[in-house]
Amino acid sequence: DDPHFVERAGPSPAIAPDDHAANLQVRAQLADALDALPEEQAEVLRGVYIEALTLREVAERLRIPLGTAKSRVRLALGTLRKHFAREGIDHG
């Protein structure tokens, strides 16, 4: 079993249809928010949160200092918080 495999065919039997629909909506909102970020910030977030890489691995892949990768994550998360607050979306 691949721990990075995500089933995309449909909802899990344990997830109620309403929960699955809400999940899809959150994913769409997050995708839109990521698209609105500067590319250098979005690529670091995608590496860490979607590809499950460490910050060090992302920094090495992008050939940037680790501190720069950390700064980009901090800036991106701050921008996402503001975006979700403007949109009235509870980000937990």
PDB file of N, CA and C in Angstrom:
ATOM      1  N   ASP A   1       0.828  -1.194   0.000  1.00  0.00           N
ATOM      2  CA  ASP A   1       0.000   0.000   0.000  1.00  0.00           C
ATOM      3  C   ASP A   1       0.866   1.250   0.000  1.00  0.00           C
ATOM      4  N   ASP A   2       0.553   2.166  -0.887  1.00  0.00           N
ATOM      5  CA  ASP A   2       1.279   3.419  -0.995  1.00  0.00           C
ATOM      6  C   ASP A   2       0.659   4.420  -0.023  1.00  0.00           C
ATOM      7  N   PRO A   3       1.400   4.934   0.985  1.00  0.00           N
ATOM      8  CA  PRO A   3       0.828   5.871   1.946  1.00  0.00           C
ATOM      9  C   PRO A   3       0.471   7.217   1.330  1.00  0.00           C
ATOM     10  N   HIS A   4       0.959   7.515   0.129  1.00  0.00           N
ATOM     11  CA  HIS A   4       0.646   8.780  -0.517  1.00  0.00           C
ATOM     12  C   HIS A   4      -0.515   8.658  -1.490  1.00  0.00           C
ATOM     13  N   PHE A   5      -1.051   7.439  -1.643  1.00  0.00           N
ATOM     14  CA  PHE A   5      -2.153   7.222  -2.563  1.00  0.00           C
ATOM     15  C   PHE A   5      -3.427   7.813  -1.990  1.00  0.00           C
ATOM     16  N   VAL A   6      -4.132   8.574  -2.796  1.00  0.00           N
ATOM     17  CA  VAL A   6      -5.417   9.145  -2.387  1.00  0.00           C
ATOM     18  C   VAL A   6      -6.450   8.704  -3.401  1.00  0.00           C
ATOM     19  N   GLU A   7      -7.479   8.025  -2.918  1.00  0.00           N
ATOM     20  CA  GLU A   7      -8.530   7.571  -3.818  1.00  0.00           C
ATOM     21  C   GLU A   7      -9.319   8.773  -4.316  1.00  0.00           C
ATOM     22  N   ARG A   8      -9.489   8.862  -5.600  1.00  0.00           N
ATOM     23  CA  ARG A   8     -10.190  10.003  -6.179  1.00  0.00           C
ATOM     24  C   ARG A   8     -11.486   9.587  -6.871  1.00  0.00           C
ATOM     25  N   ALA A   9     -11.821   8.319  -6.837  1.00  0.00           N
ATOM     26  CA  ALA A   9     -12.990   7.834  -7.569  1.00  0.00           C
ATOM     27  C   ALA A   9     -14.300   8.277  -6.940  1.00  0.00           C
ATOM     28  N   GLY A  10     -14.333   8.518  -5.663  1.00  0.00           N
ATOM     29  CA  GLY A  10     -15.573   8.920  -5.017  1.00  0.00           C
ATOM     30  C   GLY A  10     -15.422   8.931  -3.527  1.00  0.00           C
ATOM     31  N   PRO A  11     -16.525   9.217  -2.845  1.00  0.00           N
ATOM     32  CA  PRO A  11     -16.445   9.309  -1.396  1.00  0.00           C
ATOM     33  C   PRO A  11     -16.217   7.952  -0.752  1.00  0.00           C
ATOM     34  N   SER A  12     -15.578   7.975   0.388  1.00  0.00           N
ATOM     35  CA  SER A  12     -15.401   6.765   1.172  1.00  0.00           C
ATOM     36  C   SER A  12     -16.757   6.359   1.721  1.00  0.00           C
ATOM     37  N   PRO A  13     -17.026   5.065   1.841  1.00  0.00           N
ATOM     38  CA  PRO A  13     -18.310   4.641   2.394  1.00  0.00           C
ATOM     39  C   PRO A  13     -18.558   5.179   3.796  1.00  0.00           C
ATOM     40  N   ALA A  14     -17.494   5.508   4.532  1.00  0.00           N
ATOM     41  CA  ALA A  14     -17.639   6.014   5.889  1.00  0.00           C
ATOM     42  C   ALA A  14     -17.963   7.509   5.923  1.00  0.00           C
ATOM     43  N   ILE A  15     -17.901   8.184   4.786  1.00  0.00           N
ATOM     44  CA  ILE A  15     -18.149   9.624   4.730  1.00  0.00           C
ATOM     45  C   ILE A  15     -19.549   9.864   4.178  1.00  0.00           C
ATOM     46  N   ALA A  16     -20.338  10.622   4.923  1.00  0.00           N
ATOM     47  CA  ALA A  16     -21.697  10.943   4.490  1.00  0.00           C
ATOM     48  C   ALA A  16     -21.636  11.802   3.237  1.00  0.00           C
ATOM     49  N   PRO A  17     -22.629  11.668   2.347  1.00  0.00           N
ATOM     50  CA  PRO A  17     -22.630  12.470   1.113  1.00  0.00           C
ATOM     51  C   PRO A  17     -22.519  13.967   1.358  1.00  0.00           C
ATOM     52  N   ASP A  18     -23.180  14.478   2.398  1.00  0.00           N
ATOM     53  CA  ASP A  18     -23.089  15.912   2.706  1.00  0.00           C
ATOM     54  C   ASP A  18     -21.670  16.302   3.099  1.00  0.00           C
ATOM     55  N   ASP A  19     -21.014  15.430   3.871  1.00  0.00           N
ATOM     56  CA  ASP A  19     -19.628  15.692   4.262  1.00  0.00           C
ATOM     57  C   ASP A  19     -18.710  15.670   3.051  1.00  0.00           C
ATOM     58  N   HIS A  20     -18.963  14.746   2.139  1.00  0.00           N
ATOM     59  CA  HIS A  20     -18.146  14.661   0.927  1.00  0.00           C
ATOM     60  C   HIS A  20     -18.311  15.931   0.088  1.00  0.00           C
ATOM     61  N   ALA A  21     -19.538  16.412  -0.035  1.00  0.00           N
ATOM     62  CA  ALA A  21     -19.787  17.642  -0.801  1.00  0.00           C
ATOM     63  C   ALA A  21     -19.082  18.823  -0.152  1.00  0.00           C
ATOM     64  N   ALA A  22     -19.143  18.904   1.181  1.00  0.00           N
ATOM     65  CA  ALA A  22     -18.462  19.989   1.890  1.00  0.00           C
ATOM     66  C   ALA A  22     -16.957  19.884   1.697  1.00  0.00           C
ATOM     67  N   ASN A  23     -16.443  18.659   1.712  1.00  0.00           N
ATOM     68  CA  ASN A  23     -15.018  18.419   1.492  1.00  0.00           C
ATOM     69  C   ASN A  23     -14.597  18.907   0.112  1.00  0.00           C
ATOM     70  N   LEU A  24     -15.397  18.614  -0.888  1.00  0.00           N
ATOM     71  CA  LEU A  24     -15.097  19.062  -2.254  1.00  0.00           C
ATOM     72  C   LEU A  24     -15.103  20.580  -2.343  1.00  0.00           C
ATOM     73  N   GLN A  25     -16.039  21.208  -1.636  1.00  0.00           N
ATOM     74  CA  GLN A  25     -16.119  22.665  -1.646  1.00  0.00           C
ATOM     75  C   GLN A  25     -14.869  23.276  -0.999  1.00  0.00           C
ATOM     76  N   VAL A  26     -14.446  22.701   0.115  1.00  0.00           N
ATOM     77  CA  VAL A  26     -13.240  23.202   0.798  1.00  0.00           C
ATOM     78  C   VAL A  26     -12.027  23.041  -0.105  1.00  0.00           C
ATOM     79  N   ARG A  27     -11.921  21.890  -0.778  1.00  0.00           N
ATOM     80  CA  ARG A  27     -10.795  21.664  -1.694  1.00  0.00           C
ATOM     81  C   ARG A  27     -10.790  22.689  -2.820  1.00  0.00           C
ATOM     82  N   ALA A  28     -11.961  23.011  -3.359  1.00  0.00           N
ATOM     83  CA  ALA A  28     -12.063  23.999  -4.436  1.00  0.00           C
ATOM     84  C   ALA A  28     -11.659  25.379  -3.925  1.00  0.00           C
ATOM     85  N   GLN A  29     -12.100  25.732  -2.714  1.00  0.00           N
ATOM     86  CA  GLN A  29     -11.747  27.022  -2.135  1.00  0.00           C
ATOM     87  C   GLN A  29     -10.239  27.111  -1.891  1.00  0.00           C
ATOM     88  N   LEU A  30      -9.668  26.017  -1.412  1.00  0.00           N
ATOM     89  CA  LEU A  30      -8.225  26.004  -1.169  1.00  0.00           C
ATOM     90  C   LEU A  30      -7.449  26.107  -2.474  1.00  0.00           C
ATOM     91  N   ALA A  31      -7.900  25.397  -3.497  1.00  0.00           N
ATOM     92  CA  ALA A  31      -7.231  25.467  -4.804  1.00  0.00           C
ATOM     93  C   ALA A  31      -7.274  26.892  -5.345  1.00  0.00           C
ATOM     94  N   ASP A  32      -8.424  27.556  -5.219  1.00  0.00           N
ATOM     95  CA  ASP A  32      -8.540  28.947  -5.672  1.00  0.00           C
ATOM     96  C   ASP A  32      -7.596  29.858  -4.888  1.00  0.00           C
ATOM     97  N   ALA A  33      -7.531  29.643  -3.578  1.00  0.00           N
ATOM     98  CA  ALA A  33      -6.665  30.469  -2.738  1.00  0.00           C
ATOM     99  C   ALA A  33      -5.196  30.244  -3.089  1.00  0.00           C
ATOM    100  N   LEU A  34      -4.806  28.991  -3.328  1.00  0.00           N
ATOM    101  CA  LEU A  34      -3.421  28.705  -3.726  1.00  0.00           C
ATOM    102  C   LEU A  34      -3.092  29.351  -5.059  1.00  0.00           C
ATOM    103  N   ASP A  35      -4.043  29.331  -5.977  1.00  0.00           N
ATOM    104  CA  ASP A  35      -3.814  29.945  -7.288  1.00  0.00           C
ATOM    105  C   ASP A  35      -3.610  31.454  -7.185  1.00  0.00           C
ATOM    106  N   ALA A  36      -4.163  32.068  -6.131  1.00  0.00           N
ATOM    107  CA  ALA A  36      -4.043  33.512  -5.961  1.00  0.00           C
ATOM    108  C   ALA A  36      -2.716  33.917  -5.318  1.00  0.00           C
ATOM    109  N   LEU A  37      -1.983  32.945  -4.757  1.00  0.00           N
ATOM    110  CA  LEU A  37      -0.696  33.241  -4.125  1.00  0.00           C
ATOM    111  C   LEU A  37       0.388  33.463  -5.176  1.00  0.00           C
ATOM    112  N   PRO A  38       1.423  34.215  -4.811  1.00  0.00           N
ATOM    113  CA  PRO A  38       2.590  34.266  -5.697  1.00  0.00           C
ATOM    114  C   PRO A  38       3.109  32.832  -5.896  1.00  0.00           C
ATOM    115  N   GLU A  39       3.548  32.513  -7.087  1.00  0.00           N
ATOM    116  CA  GLU A  39       3.943  31.146  -7.425  1.00  0.00           C
ATOM    117  C   GLU A  39       5.008  30.598  -6.486  1.00  0.00           C
ATOM    118  N   GLU A  40       5.992  31.423  -6.087  1.00  0.00           N
ATOM    119  CA  GLU A  40       7.049  30.904  -5.216  1.00  0.00           C
ATOM    120  C   GLU A  40       6.511  30.483  -3.847  1.00  0.00           C
ATOM    121  N   GLN A  41       5.447  31.130  -3.377  1.00  0.00           N
ATOM    122  CA  GLN A  41       4.821  30.726  -2.116  1.00  0.00           C
ATOM    123  C   GLN A  41       3.958  29.482  -2.317  1.00  0.00           C
ATOM    124  N   ALA A  42       3.189  29.470  -3.388  1.00  0.00           N
ATOM    125  CA  ALA A  42       2.302  28.335  -3.659  1.00  0.00           C
ATOM    126  C   ALA A  42       3.093  27.048  -3.859  1.00  0.00           C
ATOM    127  N   GLU A  43       4.226  27.123  -4.545  1.00  0.00           N
ATOM    128  CA  GLU A  43       4.984  25.894  -4.799  1.00  0.00           C
ATOM    129  C   GLU A  43       5.554  25.306  -3.517  1.00  0.00           C
ATOM    130  N   VAL A  44       5.906  26.153  -2.548  1.00  0.00           N
ATOM    131  CA  VAL A  44       6.391  25.636  -1.270  1.00  0.00           C
ATOM    132  C   VAL A  44       5.240  24.972  -0.511  1.00  0.00           C
ATOM    133  N   LEU A  45       4.070  25.618  -0.481  1.00  0.00           N
ATOM    134  CA  LEU A  45       2.920  25.020   0.208  1.00  0.00           C
ATOM    135  C   LEU A  45       2.501  23.705  -0.436  1.00  0.00           C
ATOM    136  N   ARG A  46       2.491  23.664  -1.751  1.00  0.00           N
ATOM    137  CA  ARG A  46       2.127  22.411  -2.433  1.00  0.00           C
ATOM    138  C   ARG A  46       3.103  21.289  -2.061  1.00  0.00           C
ATOM    139  N   GLY A  47       4.385  21.624  -2.014  1.00  0.00           N
ATOM    140  CA  GLY A  47       5.377  20.615  -1.662  1.00  0.00           C
ATOM    141  C   GLY A  47       5.177  20.080  -0.258  1.00  0.00           C
ATOM    142  N   VAL A  48       4.936  20.980   0.681  1.00  0.00           N
ATOM    143  CA  VAL A  48       4.811  20.579   2.080  1.00  0.00           C
ATOM    144  C   VAL A  48       3.463  19.932   2.378  1.00  0.00           C
ATOM    145  N   TYR A  49       2.376  20.560   1.950  1.00  0.00           N
ATOM    146  CA  TYR A  49       1.048  20.113   2.366  1.00  0.00           C
ATOM    147  C   TYR A  49       0.369  19.153   1.399  1.00  0.00           C
ATOM    148  N   ILE A  50       0.741  19.167   0.147  1.00  0.00           N
ATOM    149  CA  ILE A  50       0.100  18.266  -0.810  1.00  0.00           C
ATOM    150  C   ILE A  50       1.003  17.071  -1.110  1.00  0.00           C
ATOM    151  N   GLU A  51       2.286  17.339  -1.312  1.00  0.00           N
ATOM    152  CA  GLU A  51       3.218  16.254  -1.623  1.00  0.00           C
ATOM    153  C   GLU A  51       3.845  15.633  -0.378  1.00  0.00           C
ATOM    154  N   ALA A  52       3.568  16.210   0.791  1.00  0.00           N
ATOM    155  CA  ALA A  52       4.060  15.708   2.077  1.00  0.00           C
ATOM    156  C   ALA A  52       5.589  15.656   2.149  1.00  0.00           C
ATOM    157  N   LEU A  53       6.232  16.658   1.564  1.00  0.00           N
ATOM    158  CA  LEU A  53       7.685  16.779   1.656  1.00  0.00           C
ATOM    159  C   LEU A  53       8.034  17.607   2.889  1.00  0.00           C
ATOM    160  N   THR A  54       9.235  17.427   3.390  1.00  0.00           N
ATOM    161  CA  THR A  54       9.698  18.293   4.468  1.00  0.00           C
ATOM    162  C   THR A  54      10.093  19.643   3.868  1.00  0.00           C
ATOM    163  N   LEU A  55      10.179  20.635   4.723  1.00  0.00           N
ATOM    164  CA  LEU A  55      10.639  21.940   4.236  1.00  0.00           C
ATOM    165  C   LEU A  55      12.034  21.837   3.652  1.00  0.00           C
ATOM    166  N   ARG A  56      12.872  21.031   4.263  1.00  0.00           N
ATOM    167  CA  ARG A  56      14.234  20.851   3.750  1.00  0.00           C
ATOM    168  C   ARG A  56      14.190  20.251   2.336  1.00  0.00           C
ATOM    169  N   GLU A  57      13.333  19.247   2.127  1.00  0.00           N
ATOM    170  CA  GLU A  57      13.215  18.627   0.801  1.00  0.00           C
ATOM    171  C   GLU A  57      12.704  19.622  -0.235  1.00  0.00           C
ATOM    172  N   VAL A  58      11.729  20.440   0.167  1.00  0.00           N
ATOM    173  CA  VAL A  58      11.208  21.456  -0.754  1.00  0.00           C
ATOM    174  C   VAL A  58      12.297  22.459  -1.089  1.00  0.00           C
ATOM    175  N   ALA A  59      13.026  22.909  -0.080  1.00  0.00           N
ATOM    176  CA  ALA A  59      14.109  23.879  -0.312  1.00  0.00           C
ATOM    177  C   ALA A  59      15.153  23.301  -1.255  1.00  0.00           C
ATOM    178  N   GLU A  60      15.515  22.043  -1.049  1.00  0.00           N
ATOM    179  CA  GLU A  60      16.497  21.412  -1.930  1.00  0.00           C
ATOM    180  C   GLU A  60      15.964  21.305  -3.358  1.00  0.00           C
ATOM    181  N   ARG A  61      14.712  20.903  -3.496  1.00  0.00           N
ATOM    182  CA  ARG A  61      14.113  20.774  -4.828  1.00  0.00           C
ATOM    183  C   ARG A  61      14.108  22.111  -5.560  1.00  0.00           C
ATOM    184  N   LEU A  62      13.781  23.177  -4.816  1.00  0.00           N
ATOM    185  CA  LEU A  62      13.687  24.508  -5.432  1.00  0.00           C
ATOM    186  C   LEU A  62      15.026  25.242  -5.464  1.00  0.00           C
ATOM    187  N   ARG A  63      16.025  24.624  -4.839  1.00  0.00           N
ATOM    188  CA  ARG A  63      17.368  25.225  -4.767  1.00  0.00           C
ATOM    189  C   ARG A  63      17.340  26.601  -4.113  1.00  0.00           C
ATOM    190  N   ILE A  64      16.649  26.636  -2.955  1.00  0.00           N
ATOM    191  CA  ILE A  64      16.577  27.870  -2.168  1.00  0.00           C
ATOM    192  C   ILE A  64      17.024  27.531  -0.748  1.00  0.00           C
ATOM    193  N   PRO A  65      17.488  28.534   0.012  1.00  0.00           N
ATOM    194  CA  PRO A  65      17.854  28.275   1.400  1.00  0.00           C
ATOM    195  C   PRO A  65      16.640  27.829   2.220  1.00  0.00           C
ATOM    196  N   LEU A  66      16.873  27.022   3.235  1.00  0.00           N
ATOM    197  CA  LEU A  66      15.799  26.551   4.099  1.00  0.00           C
ATOM    198  C   LEU A  66      15.050  27.724   4.725  1.00  0.00           C
ATOM    199  N   GLY A  67      15.771  28.732   5.141  1.00  0.00           N
ATOM    200  CA  GLY A  67      15.132  29.918   5.733  1.00  0.00           C
ATOM    201  C   GLY A  67      14.181  30.601   4.769  1.00  0.00           C
ATOM    202  N   THR A  68      14.525  30.615   3.503  1.00  0.00           N
ATOM    203  CA  THR A  68      13.651  31.198   2.485  1.00  0.00           C
ATOM    204  C   THR A  68      12.374  30.383   2.345  1.00  0.00           C
ATOM    205  N   ALA A  69      12.509  29.059   2.364  1.00  0.00           N
ATOM    206  CA  ALA A  69      11.330  28.191   2.290  1.00  0.00           C
ATOM    207  C   ALA A  69      10.418  28.435   3.485  1.00  0.00           C
ATOM    208  N   LYS A  70      11.005  28.564   4.670  1.00  0.00           N
ATOM    209  CA  LYS A  70      10.214  28.822   5.881  1.00  0.00           C
ATOM    210  C   LYS A  70       9.491  30.159   5.776  1.00  0.00           C
ATOM    211  N   SER A  71      10.193  31.163   5.290  1.00  0.00           N
ATOM    212  CA  SER A  71       9.582  32.489   5.134  1.00  0.00           C
ATOM    213  C   SER A  71       8.418  32.453   4.151  1.00  0.00           C
ATOM    214  N   ARG A  72       8.601  31.715   3.065  1.00  0.00           N
ATOM    215  CA  ARG A  72       7.537  31.622   2.062  1.00  0.00           C
ATOM    216  C   ARG A  72       6.308  30.931   2.635  1.00  0.00           C
ATOM    217  N   VAL A  73       6.511  29.899   3.453  1.00  0.00           N
ATOM    218  CA  VAL A  73       5.369  29.232   4.089  1.00  0.00           C
ATOM    219  C   VAL A  73       4.660  30.202   5.021  1.00  0.00           C
ATOM    220  N   ARG A  74       5.427  30.904   5.851  1.00  0.00           N
ATOM    221  CA  ARG A  74       4.833  31.857   6.799  1.00  0.00           C
ATOM    222  C   ARG A  74       4.031  32.936   6.068  1.00  0.00           C
ATOM    223  N   LEU A  75       4.612  33.501   5.021  1.00  0.00           N
ATOM    224  CA  LEU A  75       3.916  34.533   4.251  1.00  0.00           C
ATOM    225  C   LEU A  75       2.659  33.973   3.580  1.00  0.00           C
ATOM    226  N   ALA A  76       2.780  32.787   2.995  1.00  0.00           N
ATOM    227  CA  ALA A  76       1.644  32.178   2.298  1.00  0.00           C
ATOM    228  C   ALA A  76       0.509  31.867   3.258  1.00  0.00           C
ATOM    229  N   LEU A  77       0.826  31.307   4.409  1.00  0.00           N
ATOM    230  CA  LEU A  77      -0.225  30.982   5.375  1.00  0.00           C
ATOM    231  C   LEU A  77      -0.914  32.250   5.889  1.00  0.00           C
ATOM    232  N   GLY A  78      -0.149  33.306   6.080  1.00  0.00           N
ATOM    233  CA  GLY A  78      -0.750  34.580   6.488  1.00  0.00           C
ATOM    234  C   GLY A  78      -1.693  35.111   5.422  1.00  0.00           C
ATOM    235  N   THR A  79      -1.275  35.013   4.173  1.00  0.00           N
ATOM    236  CA  THR A  79      -2.124  35.455   3.061  1.00  0.00           C
ATOM    237  C   THR A  79      -3.380  34.611   2.968  1.00  0.00           C
ATOM    238  N   LEU A  80      -3.249  33.294   3.142  1.00  0.00           N
ATOM    239  CA  LEU A  80      -4.417  32.409   3.100  1.00  0.00           C
ATOM    240  C   LEU A  80      -5.382  32.727   4.233  1.00  0.00           C
ATOM    241  N   ARG A  81      -4.870  32.984   5.434  1.00  0.00           N
ATOM    242  CA  ARG A  81      -5.744  33.345   6.566  1.00  0.00           C
ATOM    243  C   ARG A  81      -6.556  34.585   6.236  1.00  0.00           C
ATOM    244  N   LYS A  82      -5.879  35.604   5.693  1.00  0.00           N
ATOM    245  CA  LYS A  82      -6.572  36.840   5.323  1.00  0.00           C
ATOM    246  C   LYS A  82      -7.607  36.576   4.232  1.00  0.00           C
ATOM    247  N   HIS A  83      -7.241  35.772   3.250  1.00  0.00           N
ATOM    248  CA  HIS A  83      -8.152  35.439   2.154  1.00  0.00           C
ATOM    249  C   HIS A  83      -9.411  34.769   2.690  1.00  0.00           C
ATOM    250  N   PHE A  84      -9.216  33.756   3.548  1.00  0.00           N
ATOM    251  CA  PHE A  84     -10.362  33.027   4.086  1.00  0.00           C
ATOM    252  C   PHE A  84     -11.204  33.910   4.998  1.00  0.00           C
ATOM    253  N   ALA A  85     -10.575  34.806   5.740  1.00  0.00           N
ATOM    254  CA  ALA A  85     -11.318  35.731   6.598  1.00  0.00           C
ATOM    255  C   ALA A  85     -12.179  36.667   5.751  1.00  0.00           C
ATOM    256  N   ARG A  86     -11.615  37.186   4.654  1.00  0.00           N
ATOM    257  CA  ARG A  86     -12.373  38.058   3.745  1.00  0.00           C
ATOM    258  C   ARG A  86     -13.565  37.326   3.145  1.00  0.00           C
ATOM    259  N   GLU A  87     -13.353  36.047   2.849  1.00  0.00           N
ATOM    260  CA  GLU A  87     -14.404  35.238   2.230  1.00  0.00           C
ATOM    261  C   GLU A  87     -15.396  34.692   3.260  1.00  0.00           C
ATOM    262  N   GLY A  88     -15.105  34.926   4.526  1.00  0.00           N
ATOM    263  CA  GLY A  88     -15.982  34.427   5.585  1.00  0.00           C
ATOM    264  C   GLY A  88     -15.910  32.934   5.766  1.00  0.00           C
ATOM    265  N   ILE A  89     -14.747  32.370   5.453  1.00  0.00           N
ATOM    266  CA  ILE A  89     -14.553  30.925   5.551  1.00  0.00           C
ATOM    267  C   ILE A  89     -13.811  30.623   6.844  1.00  0.00           C
ATOM    268  N   ASP A  90     -14.379  29.739   7.654  1.00  0.00           N
ATOM    269  CA  ASP A  90     -13.734  29.323   8.894  1.00  0.00           C
ATOM    270  C   ASP A  90     -12.608  28.373   8.546  1.00  0.00           C
ATOM    271  N   HIS A  91     -11.378  28.746   8.869  1.00  0.00           N
ATOM    272  CA  HIS A  91     -10.222  27.908   8.547  1.00  0.00           C
ATOM    273  C   HIS A  91      -9.776  27.073   9.730  1.00  0.00           C
ATOM    274  N   GLY A  92     -10.609  26.965  10.731  1.00  0.00           N
ATOM    275  CA  GLY A  92     -10.347  26.062  11.851  1.00  0.00           C
ATOM    276  C   GLY A  92      -9.343  26.603  12.764  1.00  0.00           C
TER     277      GLY A  92
END
